[in-house]
Amino acid sequence: MFDLGFSELLVIAVVALVVVGPERLPKLARTAGHLLGRLQRYVSDVKSDIQREMQLEELKKLQQQVQDQARDLEGSIRGEVASVEADLHKTAAELEATVAGNDSAGQGEAAAQPPATGGELPAGEGSDTPAAPPETVPAGPETPSPQLELGLDPAAARQPVEKT
């Protein structure tokens, strides 16, 4: 703060001794010490307050950055979810159109096939002939699947259908 050497302090002490006197000099020194201590504490408090304010400002800036990043992340996630939903709706519409096309094609083929009569007994029932293993017909575009018509799992429609 001030650049005081030993010689300057000695001169100040001699002048204070002459001006104040030897009886009041110890009391004056004590009072000066108390005032100097208060001044040092006050400066220390001001420094710590300034440091706390600086840290608080840094924390506020950091909090703002984190909030901005969180908003950006939320916006990008919402955009991705929206694009996935749009793709999903598009795929569902295409699948429904394909199923509707297969249903109309399958109905025309079903009308061309003769209906099975209920009066005939299959082999093995009521006769001595052993029953033949049931035939499997793969489900394809020509045979509509009841699962697809009901909107159930399309993977189940690809499984072979057993005729009885």
N, C-alpha and C. Protein backbone atom coordinates (compact mmCIF):
# COMPACT_ATOMS: atom_id res chain seq x y z
N MET A 1 0.83 -1.17 0.00
CA MET A 1 0.00 0.00 0.00
C MET A 1 0.88 1.25 0.00
N PHE A 2 1.50 1.56 1.10
CA PHE A 2 2.45 2.67 1.16
C PHE A 2 3.84 2.07 1.27
N ASP A 3 4.77 2.74 0.66
CA ASP A 3 6.15 2.26 0.71
C ASP A 3 6.88 3.00 1.83
N LEU A 4 6.85 2.42 3.03
CA LEU A 4 7.51 3.02 4.18
C LEU A 4 8.67 2.15 4.61
N GLY A 5 9.81 2.76 4.74
CA GLY A 5 10.97 2.03 5.21
C GLY A 5 11.09 2.16 6.72
N PHE A 6 12.12 1.50 7.27
CA PHE A 6 12.32 1.52 8.71
C PHE A 6 12.65 2.93 9.19
N SER A 7 13.44 3.66 8.44
CA SER A 7 13.83 5.01 8.86
C SER A 7 12.62 5.94 8.92
N GLU A 8 11.66 5.81 7.95
CA GLU A 8 10.47 6.65 7.99
C GLU A 8 9.60 6.31 9.20
N LEU A 9 9.46 5.03 9.52
CA LEU A 9 8.69 4.63 10.69
C LEU A 9 9.33 5.16 11.98
N LEU A 10 10.64 5.18 12.06
CA LEU A 10 11.34 5.68 13.24
C LEU A 10 11.09 7.18 13.42
N VAL A 11 11.10 7.91 12.32
CA VAL A 11 10.84 9.36 12.38
C VAL A 11 9.40 9.60 12.85
N ILE A 12 8.43 8.84 12.33
CA ILE A 12 7.03 9.00 12.73
C ILE A 12 6.88 8.69 14.21
N ALA A 13 7.55 7.68 14.75
CA ALA A 13 7.47 7.31 16.16
C ALA A 13 8.04 8.41 17.05
N VAL A 14 9.14 9.02 16.66
CA VAL A 14 9.76 10.10 17.46
C VAL A 14 8.83 11.31 17.48
N VAL A 15 8.25 11.69 16.34
CA VAL A 15 7.33 12.83 16.27
C VAL A 15 6.10 12.55 17.12
N ALA A 16 5.54 11.32 17.07
CA ALA A 16 4.37 10.97 17.86
C ALA A 16 4.70 11.04 19.35
N LEU A 17 5.90 10.60 19.76
CA LEU A 17 6.30 10.65 21.16
C LEU A 17 6.39 12.09 21.65
N VAL A 18 6.91 12.97 20.82
CA VAL A 18 7.06 14.37 21.20
C VAL A 18 5.69 15.04 21.24
N VAL A 19 4.82 14.78 20.24
CA VAL A 19 3.54 15.47 20.16
C VAL A 19 2.57 14.91 21.19
N VAL A 20 2.43 13.63 21.33
CA VAL A 20 1.43 13.02 22.20
C VAL A 20 1.94 12.94 23.63
N GLY A 21 3.14 12.63 23.81
CA GLY A 21 3.69 12.50 25.15
C GLY A 21 3.78 11.05 25.55
N PRO A 22 4.67 10.75 26.54
CA PRO A 22 4.90 9.37 26.92
C PRO A 22 3.71 8.74 27.66
N GLU A 23 2.83 9.52 28.30
CA GLU A 23 1.73 8.92 29.05
C GLU A 23 0.61 8.43 28.12
N ARG A 24 0.33 9.18 27.06
CA ARG A 24 -0.79 8.81 26.18
C ARG A 24 -0.35 7.99 24.95
N LEU A 25 0.90 7.81 24.76
CA LEU A 25 1.41 7.08 23.58
C LEU A 25 0.96 5.62 23.57
N PRO A 26 1.00 4.85 24.67
CA PRO A 26 0.53 3.47 24.62
C PRO A 26 -0.96 3.36 24.26
N LYS A 27 -1.78 4.25 24.80
CA LYS A 27 -3.21 4.25 24.48
C LYS A 27 -3.43 4.57 23.01
N LEU A 28 -2.68 5.52 22.48
CA LEU A 28 -2.78 5.89 21.07
C LEU A 28 -2.34 4.72 20.18
N ALA A 29 -1.29 4.01 20.56
CA ALA A 29 -0.81 2.87 19.78
C ALA A 29 -1.87 1.76 19.78
N ARG A 30 -2.51 1.52 20.95
CA ARG A 30 -3.56 0.51 21.03
C ARG A 30 -4.74 0.88 20.13
N THR A 31 -5.16 2.10 20.17
CA THR A 31 -6.27 2.57 19.34
C THR A 31 -5.91 2.46 17.86
N ALA A 32 -4.69 2.83 17.51
CA ALA A 32 -4.25 2.74 16.12
C ALA A 32 -4.23 1.27 15.68
N GLY A 33 -3.83 0.36 16.55
CA GLY A 33 -3.83 -1.08 16.24
C GLY A 33 -5.25 -1.60 16.00
N HIS A 34 -6.17 -1.18 16.85
CA HIS A 34 -7.57 -1.59 16.69
C HIS A 34 -8.14 -1.07 15.35
N LEU A 35 -7.86 0.19 15.08
CA LEU A 35 -8.35 0.76 13.81
C LEU A 35 -7.74 0.06 12.60
N LEU A 36 -6.44 -0.24 12.70
CA LEU A 36 -5.77 -0.94 11.60
C LEU A 36 -6.35 -2.35 11.44
N GLY A 37 -6.65 -3.04 12.54
CA GLY A 37 -7.27 -4.37 12.47
C GLY A 37 -8.65 -4.32 11.84
N ARG A 38 -9.44 -3.31 12.25
CA ARG A 38 -10.78 -3.14 11.64
C ARG A 38 -10.66 -2.89 10.14
N LEU A 39 -9.70 -2.05 9.78
CA LEU A 39 -9.51 -1.74 8.36
C LEU A 39 -9.13 -3.01 7.58
N GLN A 40 -8.25 -3.83 8.15
CA GLN A 40 -7.86 -5.07 7.48
C GLN A 40 -9.04 -6.04 7.36
N ARG A 41 -9.86 -6.14 8.42
CA ARG A 41 -11.04 -7.02 8.35
C ARG A 41 -12.03 -6.52 7.31
N TYR A 42 -12.21 -5.20 7.26
CA TYR A 42 -13.13 -4.62 6.29
C TYR A 42 -12.65 -4.91 4.86
N VAL A 43 -11.37 -4.73 4.60
CA VAL A 43 -10.81 -5.01 3.28
C VAL A 43 -10.95 -6.51 2.95
N SER A 44 -10.72 -7.35 3.94
CA SER A 44 -10.86 -8.80 3.73
C SER A 44 -12.32 -9.16 3.42
N ASP A 45 -13.27 -8.55 4.14
CA ASP A 45 -14.69 -8.81 3.87
C ASP A 45 -15.08 -8.35 2.47
N VAL A 46 -14.59 -7.19 2.07
CA VAL A 46 -14.90 -6.69 0.73
C VAL A 46 -14.33 -7.62 -0.33
N LYS A 47 -13.11 -8.09 -0.12
CA LYS A 47 -12.49 -9.02 -1.08
C LYS A 47 -13.30 -10.32 -1.17
N SER A 48 -13.72 -10.86 -0.02
CA SER A 48 -14.47 -12.11 -0.05
C SER A 48 -15.84 -11.90 -0.70
N ASP A 49 -16.49 -10.74 -0.44
CA ASP A 49 -17.77 -10.45 -1.10
C ASP A 49 -17.60 -10.36 -2.62
N ILE A 50 -16.56 -9.71 -3.05
CA ILE A 50 -16.31 -9.59 -4.49
C ILE A 50 -16.04 -10.97 -5.08
N GLN A 51 -15.27 -11.78 -4.38
CA GLN A 51 -14.98 -13.13 -4.87
C GLN A 51 -16.25 -13.97 -4.94
N ARG A 52 -17.12 -13.88 -3.91
CA ARG A 52 -18.38 -14.61 -3.93
C ARG A 52 -19.27 -14.16 -5.09
N GLU A 53 -19.32 -12.87 -5.34
CA GLU A 53 -20.12 -12.34 -6.45
C GLU A 53 -19.58 -12.85 -7.79
N MET A 54 -18.27 -12.90 -7.91
CA MET A 54 -17.68 -13.42 -9.15
C MET A 54 -18.02 -14.89 -9.33
N GLN A 55 -17.94 -15.67 -8.26
CA GLN A 55 -18.29 -17.09 -8.34
C GLN A 55 -19.77 -17.26 -8.65
N LEU A 56 -20.60 -16.41 -8.06
CA LEU A 56 -22.03 -16.47 -8.32
C LEU A 56 -22.33 -16.15 -9.78
N GLU A 57 -21.65 -15.16 -10.33
CA GLU A 57 -21.83 -14.82 -11.75
C GLU A 57 -21.37 -15.98 -12.64
N GLU A 58 -20.26 -16.61 -12.28
CA GLU A 58 -19.79 -17.76 -13.06
C GLU A 58 -20.80 -18.90 -13.00
N LEU A 59 -21.37 -19.14 -11.81
CA LEU A 59 -22.37 -20.20 -11.68
C LEU A 59 -23.63 -19.88 -12.47
N LYS A 60 -24.02 -18.60 -12.48
CA LYS A 60 -25.19 -18.21 -13.26
C LYS A 60 -24.93 -18.42 -14.75
N LYS A 61 -23.74 -18.06 -15.21
CA LYS A 61 -23.40 -18.28 -16.62
C LYS A 61 -23.39 -19.77 -16.95
N LEU A 62 -22.82 -20.57 -16.05
CA LEU A 62 -22.78 -22.01 -16.27
C LEU A 62 -24.19 -22.59 -16.28
N GLN A 63 -25.04 -22.13 -15.36
CA GLN A 63 -26.43 -22.60 -15.32
C GLN A 63 -27.15 -22.22 -16.61
N GLN A 64 -26.93 -21.02 -17.11
CA GLN A 64 -27.56 -20.59 -18.35
C GLN A 64 -27.09 -21.44 -19.53
N GLN A 65 -25.79 -21.75 -19.56
CA GLN A 65 -25.27 -22.60 -20.63
C GLN A 65 -25.89 -23.99 -20.57
N VAL A 66 -26.01 -24.54 -19.37
CA VAL A 66 -26.60 -25.88 -19.23
C VAL A 66 -28.07 -25.85 -19.66
N GLN A 67 -28.79 -24.80 -19.29
CA GLN A 67 -30.19 -24.70 -19.69
C GLN A 67 -30.32 -24.57 -21.20
N ASP A 68 -29.44 -23.79 -21.83
CA ASP A 68 -29.47 -23.65 -23.28
C ASP A 68 -29.18 -24.99 -23.97
N GLN A 69 -28.19 -25.70 -23.45
CA GLN A 69 -27.87 -27.01 -24.03
C GLN A 69 -29.02 -27.98 -23.84
N ALA A 70 -29.68 -27.92 -22.70
CA ALA A 70 -30.82 -28.82 -22.45
C ALA A 70 -31.96 -28.49 -23.41
N ARG A 71 -32.21 -27.19 -23.65
CA ARG A 71 -33.26 -26.82 -24.61
C ARG A 71 -32.90 -27.29 -26.01
N ASP A 72 -31.64 -27.12 -26.40
CA ASP A 72 -31.22 -27.58 -27.73
C ASP A 72 -31.38 -29.09 -27.87
N LEU A 73 -30.99 -29.82 -26.83
CA LEU A 73 -31.11 -31.28 -26.86
C LEU A 73 -32.57 -31.69 -26.93
N GLU A 74 -33.42 -31.02 -26.15
CA GLU A 74 -34.84 -31.34 -26.16
C GLU A 74 -35.44 -31.07 -27.54
N GLY A 75 -35.05 -29.96 -28.16
CA GLY A 75 -35.56 -29.64 -29.49
C GLY A 75 -35.11 -30.66 -30.53
N SER A 76 -33.86 -31.08 -30.45
CA SER A 76 -33.38 -32.07 -31.42
C SER A 76 -34.06 -33.42 -31.20
N ILE A 77 -34.29 -33.78 -29.94
CA ILE A 77 -34.98 -35.05 -29.67
C ILE A 77 -36.41 -34.99 -30.16
N ARG A 78 -37.08 -33.87 -29.93
CA ARG A 78 -38.46 -33.73 -30.42
C ARG A 78 -38.50 -33.81 -31.95
N GLY A 79 -37.52 -33.21 -32.61
CA GLY A 79 -37.46 -33.28 -34.07
C GLY A 79 -37.26 -34.70 -34.56
N GLU A 80 -36.38 -35.42 -33.90
CA GLU A 80 -36.13 -36.81 -34.28
C GLU A 80 -37.37 -37.67 -34.05
N VAL A 81 -38.03 -37.45 -32.92
CA VAL A 81 -39.25 -38.21 -32.62
C VAL A 81 -40.32 -37.92 -33.66
N ALA A 82 -40.44 -36.66 -34.05
CA ALA A 82 -41.44 -36.28 -35.05
C ALA A 82 -41.13 -36.94 -36.40
N SER A 83 -39.85 -36.97 -36.78
CA SER A 83 -39.50 -37.60 -38.05
C SER A 83 -39.73 -39.11 -38.00
N VAL A 84 -39.43 -39.74 -36.86
CA VAL A 84 -39.69 -41.19 -36.73
C VAL A 84 -41.18 -41.46 -36.78
N GLU A 85 -41.98 -40.61 -36.12
CA GLU A 85 -43.43 -40.80 -36.16
C GLU A 85 -43.95 -40.63 -37.58
N ALA A 86 -43.43 -39.66 -38.31
CA ALA A 86 -43.87 -39.45 -39.69
C ALA A 86 -43.51 -40.67 -40.54
N ASP A 87 -42.30 -41.20 -40.36
CA ASP A 87 -41.91 -42.40 -41.10
C ASP A 87 -42.81 -43.58 -40.72
N LEU A 88 -43.12 -43.70 -39.45
CA LEU A 88 -43.97 -44.79 -38.98
C LEU A 88 -45.37 -44.68 -39.58
N HIS A 89 -45.93 -43.48 -39.60
CA HIS A 89 -47.25 -43.29 -40.18
C HIS A 89 -47.23 -43.58 -41.69
N LYS A 90 -46.16 -43.17 -42.35
CA LYS A 90 -46.03 -43.43 -43.79
C LYS A 90 -45.97 -44.93 -44.05
N THR A 91 -45.18 -45.64 -43.25
CA THR A 91 -45.06 -47.09 -43.41
C THR A 91 -46.39 -47.77 -43.11
N ALA A 92 -47.10 -47.31 -42.09
CA ALA A 92 -48.40 -47.89 -41.76
C ALA A 92 -49.39 -47.66 -42.89
N ALA A 93 -49.37 -46.48 -43.49
CA ALA A 93 -50.27 -46.20 -44.61
C ALA A 93 -49.94 -47.09 -45.81
N GLU A 94 -48.65 -47.27 -46.08
CA GLU A 94 -48.25 -48.16 -47.18
C GLU A 94 -48.69 -49.59 -46.91
N LEU A 95 -48.53 -50.03 -45.66
CA LEU A 95 -48.91 -51.39 -45.29
C LEU A 95 -50.43 -51.57 -45.42
N GLU A 96 -51.20 -50.58 -44.99
CA GLU A 96 -52.65 -50.66 -45.12
C GLU A 96 -53.06 -50.69 -46.58
N ALA A 97 -52.39 -49.90 -47.42
CA ALA A 97 -52.70 -49.91 -48.85
C ALA A 97 -52.37 -51.26 -49.46
N THR A 98 -51.25 -51.85 -49.05
CA THR A 98 -50.87 -53.17 -49.56
C THR A 98 -51.88 -54.22 -49.10
N VAL A 99 -52.28 -54.16 -47.85
CA VAL A 99 -53.24 -55.13 -47.33
C VAL A 99 -54.58 -54.96 -48.05
N ALA A 100 -55.01 -53.74 -48.26
CA ALA A 100 -56.27 -53.50 -48.96
C ALA A 100 -56.19 -54.02 -50.39
N GLY A 101 -55.06 -53.86 -51.06
CA GLY A 101 -54.87 -54.39 -52.42
C GLY A 101 -54.88 -55.90 -52.41
N ASN A 102 -54.27 -56.53 -51.42
CA ASN A 102 -54.25 -57.99 -51.31
C ASN A 102 -55.64 -58.52 -51.00
N ASP A 103 -56.40 -57.83 -50.17
CA ASP A 103 -57.75 -58.28 -49.85
C ASP A 103 -58.64 -58.31 -51.09
N SER A 104 -58.56 -57.26 -51.89
CA SER A 104 -59.41 -57.23 -53.10
C SER A 104 -58.96 -58.28 -54.11
N ALA A 105 -57.66 -58.55 -54.24
CA ALA A 105 -57.17 -59.58 -55.15
C ALA A 105 -57.52 -60.96 -54.61
N GLY A 106 -57.46 -61.15 -53.31
CA GLY A 106 -57.76 -62.44 -52.70
C GLY A 106 -59.24 -62.78 -52.79
N GLN A 107 -60.12 -61.79 -52.75
CA GLN A 107 -61.54 -62.05 -52.85
C GLN A 107 -61.90 -62.53 -54.25
N GLY A 108 -61.26 -62.01 -55.27
CA GLY A 108 -61.53 -62.46 -56.65
C GLY A 108 -61.10 -63.89 -56.85
N GLU A 109 -59.96 -64.29 -56.28
CA GLU A 109 -59.48 -65.66 -56.42
C GLU A 109 -60.34 -66.61 -55.60
N ALA A 110 -60.83 -66.17 -54.46
CA ALA A 110 -61.66 -67.04 -53.63
C ALA A 110 -62.98 -67.35 -54.32
N ALA A 111 -63.50 -66.43 -55.11
CA ALA A 111 -64.75 -66.66 -55.83
C ALA A 111 -64.54 -67.66 -56.96
N ALA A 112 -63.33 -67.72 -57.53
CA ALA A 112 -63.07 -68.63 -58.63
C ALA A 112 -62.89 -70.07 -58.15
N GLN A 113 -62.57 -70.32 -56.88
CA GLN A 113 -62.36 -71.66 -56.37
C GLN A 113 -63.70 -72.24 -55.94
N PRO A 114 -63.91 -73.56 -56.17
CA PRO A 114 -65.18 -74.16 -55.75
C PRO A 114 -65.21 -74.29 -54.23
N PRO A 115 -66.36 -74.08 -53.61
CA PRO A 115 -66.45 -74.20 -52.15
C PRO A 115 -66.39 -75.67 -51.75
N ALA A 116 -65.84 -75.92 -50.56
CA ALA A 116 -65.75 -77.29 -50.04
C ALA A 116 -67.12 -77.70 -49.52
N THR A 117 -67.49 -78.95 -49.77
CA THR A 117 -68.79 -79.43 -49.30
C THR A 117 -68.64 -79.97 -47.91
N GLY A 118 -69.62 -79.77 -47.11
CA GLY A 118 -69.55 -80.21 -45.72
C GLY A 118 -69.97 -81.64 -45.55
N GLY A 119 -70.54 -82.30 -46.57
CA GLY A 119 -71.02 -83.66 -46.43
C GLY A 119 -69.93 -84.68 -46.55
N GLU A 120 -68.80 -84.35 -47.08
CA GLU A 120 -67.73 -85.32 -47.27
C GLU A 120 -66.91 -85.45 -46.00
N LEU A 121 -66.55 -86.70 -45.69
CA LEU A 121 -65.69 -86.92 -44.55
C LEU A 121 -64.25 -87.02 -45.03
N PRO A 122 -63.35 -86.38 -44.34
CA PRO A 122 -61.94 -86.53 -44.73
C PRO A 122 -61.50 -87.95 -44.50
N ALA A 123 -60.42 -88.31 -45.17
CA ALA A 123 -59.89 -89.66 -45.03
C ALA A 123 -59.48 -89.88 -43.59
N GLY A 124 -59.78 -91.04 -43.08
CA GLY A 124 -59.40 -91.37 -41.72
C GLY A 124 -60.56 -91.22 -40.76
N GLU A 125 -61.59 -90.46 -41.10
CA GLU A 125 -62.72 -90.30 -40.20
C GLU A 125 -63.86 -91.17 -40.71
N GLY A 126 -64.18 -92.15 -40.02
CA GLY A 126 -65.28 -93.03 -40.40
C GLY A 126 -64.91 -93.98 -41.52
N SER A 127 -63.68 -94.10 -41.91
CA SER A 127 -63.28 -95.05 -42.94
C SER A 127 -62.02 -95.75 -42.49
N ASP A 128 -61.65 -96.79 -43.21
CA ASP A 128 -60.48 -97.57 -42.85
C ASP A 128 -59.20 -97.00 -43.45
N THR A 129 -59.31 -95.99 -44.24
CA THR A 129 -58.13 -95.41 -44.89
C THR A 129 -57.40 -94.51 -43.89
N PRO A 130 -56.09 -94.63 -43.79
CA PRO A 130 -55.37 -93.77 -42.84
C PRO A 130 -55.45 -92.30 -43.31
N ALA A 131 -55.42 -91.43 -42.34
CA ALA A 131 -55.51 -90.00 -42.65
C ALA A 131 -54.19 -89.51 -43.21
N ALA A 132 -54.28 -88.71 -44.27
CA ALA A 132 -53.08 -88.12 -44.87
C ALA A 132 -52.67 -86.91 -44.03
N PRO A 133 -51.39 -86.61 -44.01
CA PRO A 133 -50.97 -85.43 -43.23
C PRO A 133 -51.58 -84.17 -43.85
N PRO A 134 -51.91 -83.21 -43.03
CA PRO A 134 -52.52 -81.99 -43.56
C PRO A 134 -51.53 -81.24 -44.43
N GLU A 135 -52.05 -80.66 -45.50
CA GLU A 135 -51.19 -79.90 -46.41
C GLU A 135 -51.07 -78.47 -45.89
N THR A 136 -49.89 -77.92 -46.12
CA THR A 136 -49.68 -76.52 -45.72
C THR A 136 -49.62 -75.67 -46.97
N VAL A 137 -50.32 -74.57 -46.94
CA VAL A 137 -50.32 -73.65 -48.07
C VAL A 137 -49.71 -72.35 -47.57
N PRO A 138 -48.64 -71.91 -48.21
CA PRO A 138 -48.04 -70.66 -47.73
C PRO A 138 -48.96 -69.48 -48.02
N ALA A 139 -49.05 -68.62 -47.03
CA ALA A 139 -49.88 -67.42 -47.21
C ALA A 139 -49.10 -66.44 -48.05
N GLY A 140 -49.73 -65.93 -49.04
CA GLY A 140 -49.07 -64.97 -49.92
C GLY A 140 -50.06 -63.94 -50.38
N PRO A 141 -49.74 -63.21 -51.42
CA PRO A 141 -50.66 -62.18 -51.89
C PRO A 141 -51.97 -62.76 -52.39
N GLU A 142 -51.97 -64.04 -52.88
CA GLU A 142 -53.20 -64.60 -53.41
C GLU A 142 -54.12 -65.10 -52.30
N THR A 143 -53.59 -65.39 -51.09
CA THR A 143 -54.41 -65.87 -49.99
C THR A 143 -54.36 -64.84 -48.87
N PRO A 144 -55.43 -64.08 -48.67
CA PRO A 144 -55.39 -63.08 -47.60
C PRO A 144 -55.44 -63.75 -46.24
N SER A 145 -54.76 -63.17 -45.31
CA SER A 145 -54.69 -63.72 -43.96
C SER A 145 -55.71 -63.02 -43.09
N PRO A 146 -56.46 -63.78 -42.26
CA PRO A 146 -57.41 -63.13 -41.36
C PRO A 146 -56.71 -62.21 -40.35
N GLN A 147 -55.44 -62.49 -40.02
CA GLN A 147 -54.72 -61.63 -39.08
C GLN A 147 -54.51 -60.26 -39.68
N LEU A 148 -54.21 -60.21 -40.97
CA LEU A 148 -53.99 -58.91 -41.61
C LEU A 148 -55.28 -58.14 -41.69
N GLU A 149 -56.38 -58.82 -41.94
CA GLU A 149 -57.66 -58.13 -42.03
C GLU A 149 -58.06 -57.55 -40.69
N LEU A 150 -57.65 -58.21 -39.61
CA LEU A 150 -58.00 -57.72 -38.29
C LEU A 150 -56.98 -56.72 -37.78
N GLY A 151 -55.90 -56.51 -38.52
CA GLY A 151 -54.88 -55.57 -38.11
C GLY A 151 -53.94 -56.12 -37.07
N LEU A 152 -53.77 -57.46 -37.03
CA LEU A 152 -52.87 -58.05 -36.07
C LEU A 152 -51.47 -58.12 -36.64
N ASP A 153 -50.63 -58.85 -35.99
CA ASP A 153 -49.22 -58.93 -36.34
C ASP A 153 -49.03 -59.42 -37.78
N PRO A 154 -48.38 -58.64 -38.66
CA PRO A 154 -48.16 -59.08 -40.04
C PRO A 154 -47.23 -60.28 -40.13
N ALA A 155 -46.36 -60.48 -39.15
CA ALA A 155 -45.44 -61.62 -39.20
C ALA A 155 -46.23 -62.92 -39.08
N ALA A 156 -47.35 -62.91 -38.36
CA ALA A 156 -48.16 -64.11 -38.21
C ALA A 156 -48.81 -64.49 -39.53
N ALA A 157 -49.01 -63.53 -40.44
CA ALA A 157 -49.64 -63.81 -41.72
C ALA A 157 -48.70 -64.58 -42.63
N ARG A 158 -47.42 -64.51 -42.39
CA ARG A 158 -46.45 -65.20 -43.26
C ARG A 158 -46.30 -66.68 -42.89
N GLN A 159 -46.88 -67.11 -41.77
CA GLN A 159 -46.76 -68.50 -41.36
C GLN A 159 -47.69 -69.35 -42.23
N PRO A 160 -47.33 -70.61 -42.47
CA PRO A 160 -48.17 -71.46 -43.30
C PRO A 160 -49.54 -71.71 -42.67
N VAL A 161 -50.52 -71.82 -43.52
CA VAL A 161 -51.91 -72.06 -43.08
C VAL A 161 -52.21 -73.53 -43.31
N GLU A 162 -52.81 -74.20 -42.31
CA GLU A 162 -53.15 -75.61 -42.45
C GLU A 162 -54.59 -75.74 -42.93
N LYS A 163 -54.77 -76.60 -43.89
CA LYS A 163 -56.12 -76.91 -44.36
C LYS A 163 -56.61 -78.15 -43.65
N THR A 164 -57.89 -78.20 -43.35
CA THR A 164 -58.44 -79.40 -42.69
C THR A 164 -59.40 -80.11 -43.61
